[in-house]
Amino acid sequence: MARVTKVKIEESAEELCELLKKQKTALGKERIQALYLLKIGQVKTIQDLAVVLGRGSATVQR
């Protein structure tokens, strides 16, 4: 059952893009990328985000 996420991301898309470039670890990049995708509206649900990131939805939810 996919629901729309209710996450308030205070950073702008540009700030997230800059943070993404500064990340040194794969885990850091993946986390910022998830926030970026949610911010720009490319994904709407946790399930969609999990598919794009190649992770399980439970992992993304955590």
PDB file of N, CA and C in Angstrom:
ATOM      1  N   MET A   1       0.834  -1.173   0.000  1.00  0.00           N
ATOM      2  CA  MET A   1       0.000   0.000   0.000  1.00  0.00           C
ATOM      3  C   MET A   1       0.882   1.240   0.000  1.00  0.00           C
ATOM      4  N   ALA A   2       0.966   1.901  -1.125  1.00  0.00           N
ATOM      5  CA  ALA A   2       1.844   3.056  -1.259  1.00  0.00           C
ATOM      6  C   ALA A   2       1.093   4.327  -0.889  1.00  0.00           C
ATOM      7  N   ARG A   3       1.704   5.096  -0.022  1.00  0.00           N
ATOM      8  CA  ARG A   3       1.119   6.378   0.374  1.00  0.00           C
ATOM      9  C   ARG A   3       2.079   7.494  -0.012  1.00  0.00           C
ATOM     10  N   VAL A   4       1.520   8.669  -0.167  1.00  0.00           N
ATOM     11  CA  VAL A   4       2.339   9.845  -0.441  1.00  0.00           C
ATOM     12  C   VAL A   4       3.109  10.173   0.826  1.00  0.00           C
ATOM     13  N   THR A   5       4.384  10.466   0.683  1.00  0.00           N
ATOM     14  CA  THR A   5       5.207  10.764   1.850  1.00  0.00           C
ATOM     15  C   THR A   5       4.879  12.149   2.388  1.00  0.00           C
ATOM     16  N   LYS A   6       4.968  12.281   3.695  1.00  0.00           N
ATOM     17  CA  LYS A   6       4.706  13.566   4.341  1.00  0.00           C
ATOM     18  C   LYS A   6       5.988  14.037   5.021  1.00  0.00           C
ATOM     19  N   VAL A   7       6.997  14.261   4.225  1.00  0.00           N
ATOM     20  CA  VAL A   7       8.289  14.717   4.724  1.00  0.00           C
ATOM     21  C   VAL A   7       8.449  16.171   4.350  1.00  0.00           C
ATOM     22  N   LYS A   8       8.781  16.998   5.331  1.00  0.00           N
ATOM     23  CA  LYS A   8       9.029  18.409   5.045  1.00  0.00           C
ATOM     24  C   LYS A   8      10.530  18.596   4.876  1.00  0.00           C
ATOM     25  N   ILE A   9      10.943  18.911   3.680  1.00  0.00           N
ATOM     26  CA  ILE A   9      12.359  19.121   3.366  1.00  0.00           C
ATOM     27  C   ILE A   9      12.568  20.620   3.289  1.00  0.00           C
ATOM     28  N   GLU A  10      13.341  21.151   4.218  1.00  0.00           N
ATOM     29  CA  GLU A  10      13.512  22.600   4.318  1.00  0.00           C
ATOM     30  C   GLU A  10      14.547  23.151   3.335  1.00  0.00           C
ATOM     31  N   GLU A  11      15.478  22.332   2.898  1.00  0.00           N
ATOM     32  CA  GLU A  11      16.498  22.787   1.958  1.00  0.00           C
ATOM     33  C   GLU A  11      15.880  22.932   0.563  1.00  0.00           C
ATOM     34  N   SER A  12      16.403  23.852  -0.205  1.00  0.00           N
ATOM     35  CA  SER A  12      15.937  24.011  -1.580  1.00  0.00           C
ATOM     36  C   SER A  12      16.572  22.932  -2.454  1.00  0.00           C
ATOM     37  N   ALA A  13      16.043  22.773  -3.645  1.00  0.00           N
ATOM     38  CA  ALA A  13      16.582  21.787  -4.577  1.00  0.00           C
ATOM     39  C   ALA A  13      18.038  22.120  -4.930  1.00  0.00           C
ATOM     40  N   GLU A  14      18.330  23.416  -5.047  1.00  0.00           N
ATOM     41  CA  GLU A  14      19.698  23.830  -5.371  1.00  0.00           C
ATOM     42  C   GLU A  14      20.661  23.481  -4.225  1.00  0.00           C
ATOM     43  N   GLU A  15      20.216  23.705  -2.985  1.00  0.00           N
ATOM     44  CA  GLU A  15      21.051  23.366  -1.828  1.00  0.00           C
ATOM     45  C   GLU A  15      21.310  21.869  -1.760  1.00  0.00           C
ATOM     46  N   LEU A  16      20.291  21.085  -2.044  1.00  0.00           N
ATOM     47  CA  LEU A  16      20.456  19.632  -2.028  1.00  0.00           C
ATOM     48  C   LEU A  16      21.401  19.178  -3.132  1.00  0.00           C
ATOM     49  N   CYS A  17      21.327  19.825  -4.270  1.00  0.00           N
ATOM     50  CA  CYS A  17      22.223  19.491  -5.378  1.00  0.00           C
ATOM     51  C   CYS A  17      23.673  19.778  -4.992  1.00  0.00           C
ATOM     52  N   GLU A  18      23.907  20.905  -4.336  1.00  0.00           N
ATOM     53  CA  GLU A  18      25.258  21.244  -3.879  1.00  0.00           C
ATOM     54  C   GLU A  18      25.743  20.260  -2.809  1.00  0.00           C
ATOM     55  N   LEU A  19      24.863  19.914  -1.882  1.00  0.00           N
ATOM     56  CA  LEU A  19      25.221  18.932  -0.853  1.00  0.00           C
ATOM     57  C   LEU A  19      25.558  17.586  -1.475  1.00  0.00           C
ATOM     58  N   LEU A  20      24.822  17.217  -2.522  1.00  0.00           N
ATOM     59  CA  LEU A  20      25.066  15.952  -3.206  1.00  0.00           C
ATOM     60  C   LEU A  20      26.471  15.915  -3.804  1.00  0.00           C
ATOM     61  N   LYS A  21      26.895  17.032  -4.361  1.00  0.00           N
ATOM     62  CA  LYS A  21      28.232  17.112  -4.952  1.00  0.00           C
ATOM     63  C   LYS A  21      29.329  17.017  -3.906  1.00  0.00           C
ATOM     64  N   LYS A  22      29.051  17.459  -2.675  1.00  0.00           N
ATOM     65  CA  LYS A  22      30.066  17.478  -1.618  1.00  0.00           C
ATOM     66  C   LYS A  22      30.193  16.152  -0.877  1.00  0.00           C
ATOM     67  N   GLN A  23      29.240  15.244  -1.062  1.00  0.00           N
ATOM     68  CA  GLN A  23      29.268  13.977  -0.336  1.00  0.00           C
ATOM     69  C   GLN A  23      30.435  13.116  -0.806  1.00  0.00           C
ATOM     70  N   LYS A  24      31.052  12.430   0.147  1.00  0.00           N
ATOM     71  CA  LYS A  24      32.203  11.600  -0.174  1.00  0.00           C
ATOM     72  C   LYS A  24      31.878  10.109  -0.127  1.00  0.00           C
ATOM     73  N   THR A  25      30.868   9.732   0.641  1.00  0.00           N
ATOM     74  CA  THR A  25      30.523   8.315   0.762  1.00  0.00           C
ATOM     75  C   THR A  25      29.285   7.989  -0.063  1.00  0.00           C
ATOM     76  N   ALA A  26      29.177   6.731  -0.446  1.00  0.00           N
ATOM     77  CA  ALA A  26      28.027   6.293  -1.228  1.00  0.00           C
ATOM     78  C   ALA A  26      26.736   6.417  -0.421  1.00  0.00           C
ATOM     79  N   LEU A  27      26.798   6.103   0.857  1.00  0.00           N
ATOM     80  CA  LEU A  27      25.614   6.197   1.704  1.00  0.00           C
ATOM     81  C   LEU A  27      25.143   7.643   1.822  1.00  0.00           C
ATOM     82  N   GLY A  28      26.073   8.567   1.988  1.00  0.00           N
ATOM     83  CA  GLY A  28      25.721   9.982   2.060  1.00  0.00           C
ATOM     84  C   GLY A  28      25.079  10.463   0.769  1.00  0.00           C
ATOM     85  N   LYS A  29      25.636  10.050  -0.353  1.00  0.00           N
ATOM     86  CA  LYS A  29      25.090  10.445  -1.649  1.00  0.00           C
ATOM     87  C   LYS A  29      23.682   9.902  -1.840  1.00  0.00           C
ATOM     88  N   GLU A  30      23.482   8.657  -1.431  1.00  0.00           N
ATOM     89  CA  GLU A  30      22.173   8.040  -1.590  1.00  0.00           C
ATOM     90  C   GLU A  30      21.116   8.747  -0.746  1.00  0.00           C
ATOM     91  N   ARG A  31      21.465   9.132   0.457  1.00  0.00           N
ATOM     92  CA  ARG A  31      20.518   9.814   1.335  1.00  0.00           C
ATOM     93  C   ARG A  31      20.136  11.188   0.796  1.00  0.00           C
ATOM     94  N   ILE A  32      21.124  11.941   0.332  1.00  0.00           N
ATOM     95  CA  ILE A  32      20.848  13.270  -0.229  1.00  0.00           C
ATOM     96  C   ILE A  32      20.067  13.128  -1.533  1.00  0.00           C
ATOM     97  N   GLN A  33      20.396  12.115  -2.322  1.00  0.00           N
ATOM     98  CA  GLN A  33      19.684  11.883  -3.573  1.00  0.00           C
ATOM     99  C   GLN A  33      18.203  11.589  -3.303  1.00  0.00           C
ATOM    100  N   ALA A  34      17.927  10.828  -2.264  1.00  0.00           N
ATOM    101  CA  ALA A  34      16.542  10.524  -1.900  1.00  0.00           C
ATOM    102  C   ALA A  34      15.788  11.801  -1.561  1.00  0.00           C
ATOM    103  N   LEU A  35      16.399  12.666  -0.766  1.00  0.00           N
ATOM    104  CA  LEU A  35      15.762  13.934  -0.427  1.00  0.00           C
ATOM    105  C   LEU A  35      15.557  14.801  -1.666  1.00  0.00           C
ATOM    106  N   TYR A  36      16.547  14.818  -2.537  1.00  0.00           N
ATOM    107  CA  TYR A  36      16.469  15.616  -3.765  1.00  0.00           C
ATOM    108  C   TYR A  36      15.318  15.138  -4.658  1.00  0.00           C
ATOM    109  N   LEU A  37      15.200  13.826  -4.832  1.00  0.00           N
ATOM    110  CA  LEU A  37      14.139  13.279  -5.679  1.00  0.00           C
ATOM    111  C   LEU A  37      12.754  13.591  -5.112  1.00  0.00           C
ATOM    112  N   LEU A  38      12.630  13.538  -3.797  1.00  0.00           N
ATOM    113  CA  LEU A  38      11.365  13.897  -3.164  1.00  0.00           C
ATOM    114  C   LEU A  38      11.076  15.389  -3.333  1.00  0.00           C
ATOM    115  N   LYS A  39      12.113  16.206  -3.187  1.00  0.00           N
ATOM    116  CA  LYS A  39      11.948  17.659  -3.265  1.00  0.00           C
ATOM    117  C   LYS A  39      11.486  18.106  -4.650  1.00  0.00           C
ATOM    118  N   ILE A  40      12.092  17.564  -5.701  1.00  0.00           N
ATOM    119  CA  ILE A  40      11.739  17.991  -7.051  1.00  0.00           C
ATOM    120  C   ILE A  40      10.468  17.321  -7.564  1.00  0.00           C
ATOM    121  N   GLY A  41       9.947  16.343  -6.818  1.00  0.00           N
ATOM    122  CA  GLY A  41       8.697  15.707  -7.193  1.00  0.00           C
ATOM    123  C   GLY A  41       8.827  14.584  -8.200  1.00  0.00           C
ATOM    124  N   GLN A  42      10.034  14.096  -8.421  1.00  0.00           N
ATOM    125  CA  GLN A  42      10.218  12.999  -9.369  1.00  0.00           C
ATOM    126  C   GLN A  42       9.603  11.708  -8.838  1.00  0.00           C
ATOM    127  N   VAL A  43       9.627  11.538  -7.528  1.00  0.00           N
ATOM    128  CA  VAL A  43       8.975  10.385  -6.898  1.00  0.00           C
ATOM    129  C   VAL A  43       7.961  10.906  -5.888  1.00  0.00           C
ATOM    130  N   LYS A  44       6.883  10.167  -5.719  1.00  0.00           N
ATOM    131  CA  LYS A  44       5.824  10.600  -4.811  1.00  0.00           C
ATOM    132  C   LYS A  44       5.706   9.696  -3.587  1.00  0.00           C
ATOM    133  N   THR A  45       6.052   8.419  -3.747  1.00  0.00           N
ATOM    134  CA  THR A  45       5.867   7.468  -2.655  1.00  0.00           C
ATOM    135  C   THR A  45       7.193   6.819  -2.274  1.00  0.00           C
ATOM    136  N   ILE A  46       7.186   6.211  -1.100  1.00  0.00           N
ATOM    137  CA  ILE A  46       8.361   5.475  -0.635  1.00  0.00           C
ATOM    138  C   ILE A  46       8.663   4.325  -1.592  1.00  0.00           C
ATOM    139  N   GLN A  47       7.629   3.664  -2.079  1.00  0.00           N
ATOM    140  CA  GLN A  47       7.808   2.547  -3.015  1.00  0.00           C
ATOM    141  C   GLN A  47       8.501   3.018  -4.288  1.00  0.00           C
ATOM    142  N   ASP A  48       8.082   4.155  -4.834  1.00  0.00           N
ATOM    143  CA  ASP A  48       8.724   4.700  -6.032  1.00  0.00           C
ATOM    144  C   ASP A  48      10.188   5.034  -5.760  1.00  0.00           C
ATOM    145  N   LEU A  49      10.435   5.631  -4.602  1.00  0.00           N
ATOM    146  CA  LEU A  49      11.798   5.992  -4.228  1.00  0.00           C
ATOM    147  C   LEU A  49      12.665   4.754  -4.081  1.00  0.00           C
ATOM    148  N   ALA A  50      12.121   3.709  -3.496  1.00  0.00           N
ATOM    149  CA  ALA A  50      12.867   2.459  -3.315  1.00  0.00           C
ATOM    150  C   ALA A  50      13.251   1.860  -4.662  1.00  0.00           C
ATOM    151  N   VAL A  51      12.355   1.918  -5.622  1.00  0.00           N
ATOM    152  CA  VAL A  51      12.646   1.376  -6.957  1.00  0.00           C
ATOM    153  C   VAL A  51      13.766   2.172  -7.614  1.00  0.00           C
ATOM    154  N   VAL A  52      13.690   3.488  -7.531  1.00  0.00           N
ATOM    155  CA  VAL A  52      14.709   4.342  -8.157  1.00  0.00           C
ATOM    156  C   VAL A  52      16.079   4.115  -7.505  1.00  0.00           C
ATOM    157  N   LEU A  53      16.099   3.989  -6.184  1.00  0.00           N
ATOM    158  CA  LEU A  53      17.364   3.812  -5.474  1.00  0.00           C
ATOM    159  C   LEU A  53      17.867   2.370  -5.491  1.00  0.00           C
ATOM    160  N   GLY A  54      17.008   1.437  -5.851  1.00  0.00           N
ATOM    161  CA  GLY A  54      17.409   0.032  -5.865  1.00  0.00           C
ATOM    162  C   GLY A  54      17.496  -0.560  -4.468  1.00  0.00           C
ATOM    163  N   ARG A  55      16.676  -0.076  -3.570  1.00  0.00           N
ATOM    164  CA  ARG A  55      16.632  -0.565  -2.194  1.00  0.00           C
ATOM    165  C   ARG A  55      15.229  -1.059  -1.888  1.00  0.00           C
ATOM    166  N   GLY A  56      15.092  -1.762  -0.781  1.00  0.00           N
ATOM    167  CA  GLY A  56      13.780  -2.195  -0.344  1.00  0.00           C
ATOM    168  C   GLY A  56      13.035  -1.025   0.281  1.00  0.00           C
ATOM    169  N   SER A  57      11.711  -1.093   0.237  1.00  0.00           N
ATOM    170  CA  SER A  57      10.937   0.018   0.774  1.00  0.00           C
ATOM    171  C   SER A  57      11.110   0.146   2.286  1.00  0.00           C
ATOM    172  N   ALA A  58      11.329  -0.965   2.983  1.00  0.00           N
ATOM    173  CA  ALA A  58      11.561  -0.900   4.430  1.00  0.00           C
ATOM    174  C   ALA A  58      12.877  -0.181   4.733  1.00  0.00           C
ATOM    175  N   THR A  59      13.869  -0.396   3.915  1.00  0.00           N
ATOM    176  CA  THR A  59      15.160   0.272   4.094  1.00  0.00           C
ATOM    177  C   THR A  59      15.016   1.768   3.872  1.00  0.00           C
ATOM    178  N   VAL A  60      14.297   2.144   2.851  1.00  0.00           N
ATOM    179  CA  VAL A  60      14.090   3.564   2.557  1.00  0.00           C
ATOM    180  C   VAL A  60      13.272   4.217   3.665  1.00  0.00           C
ATOM    181  N   GLN A  61      12.264   3.513   4.149  1.00  0.00           N
ATOM    182  CA  GLN A  61      11.409   4.047   5.209  1.00  0.00           C
ATOM    183  C   GLN A  61      12.225   4.346   6.463  1.00  0.00           C
ATOM    184  N   ARG A  62      13.147   3.456   6.811  1.00  0.00           N
ATOM    185  CA  ARG A  62      13.994   3.662   7.991  1.00  0.00           C
ATOM    186  C   ARG A  62      14.842   4.887   7.825  1.00  0.00           C
TER     187      ARG A  62
END
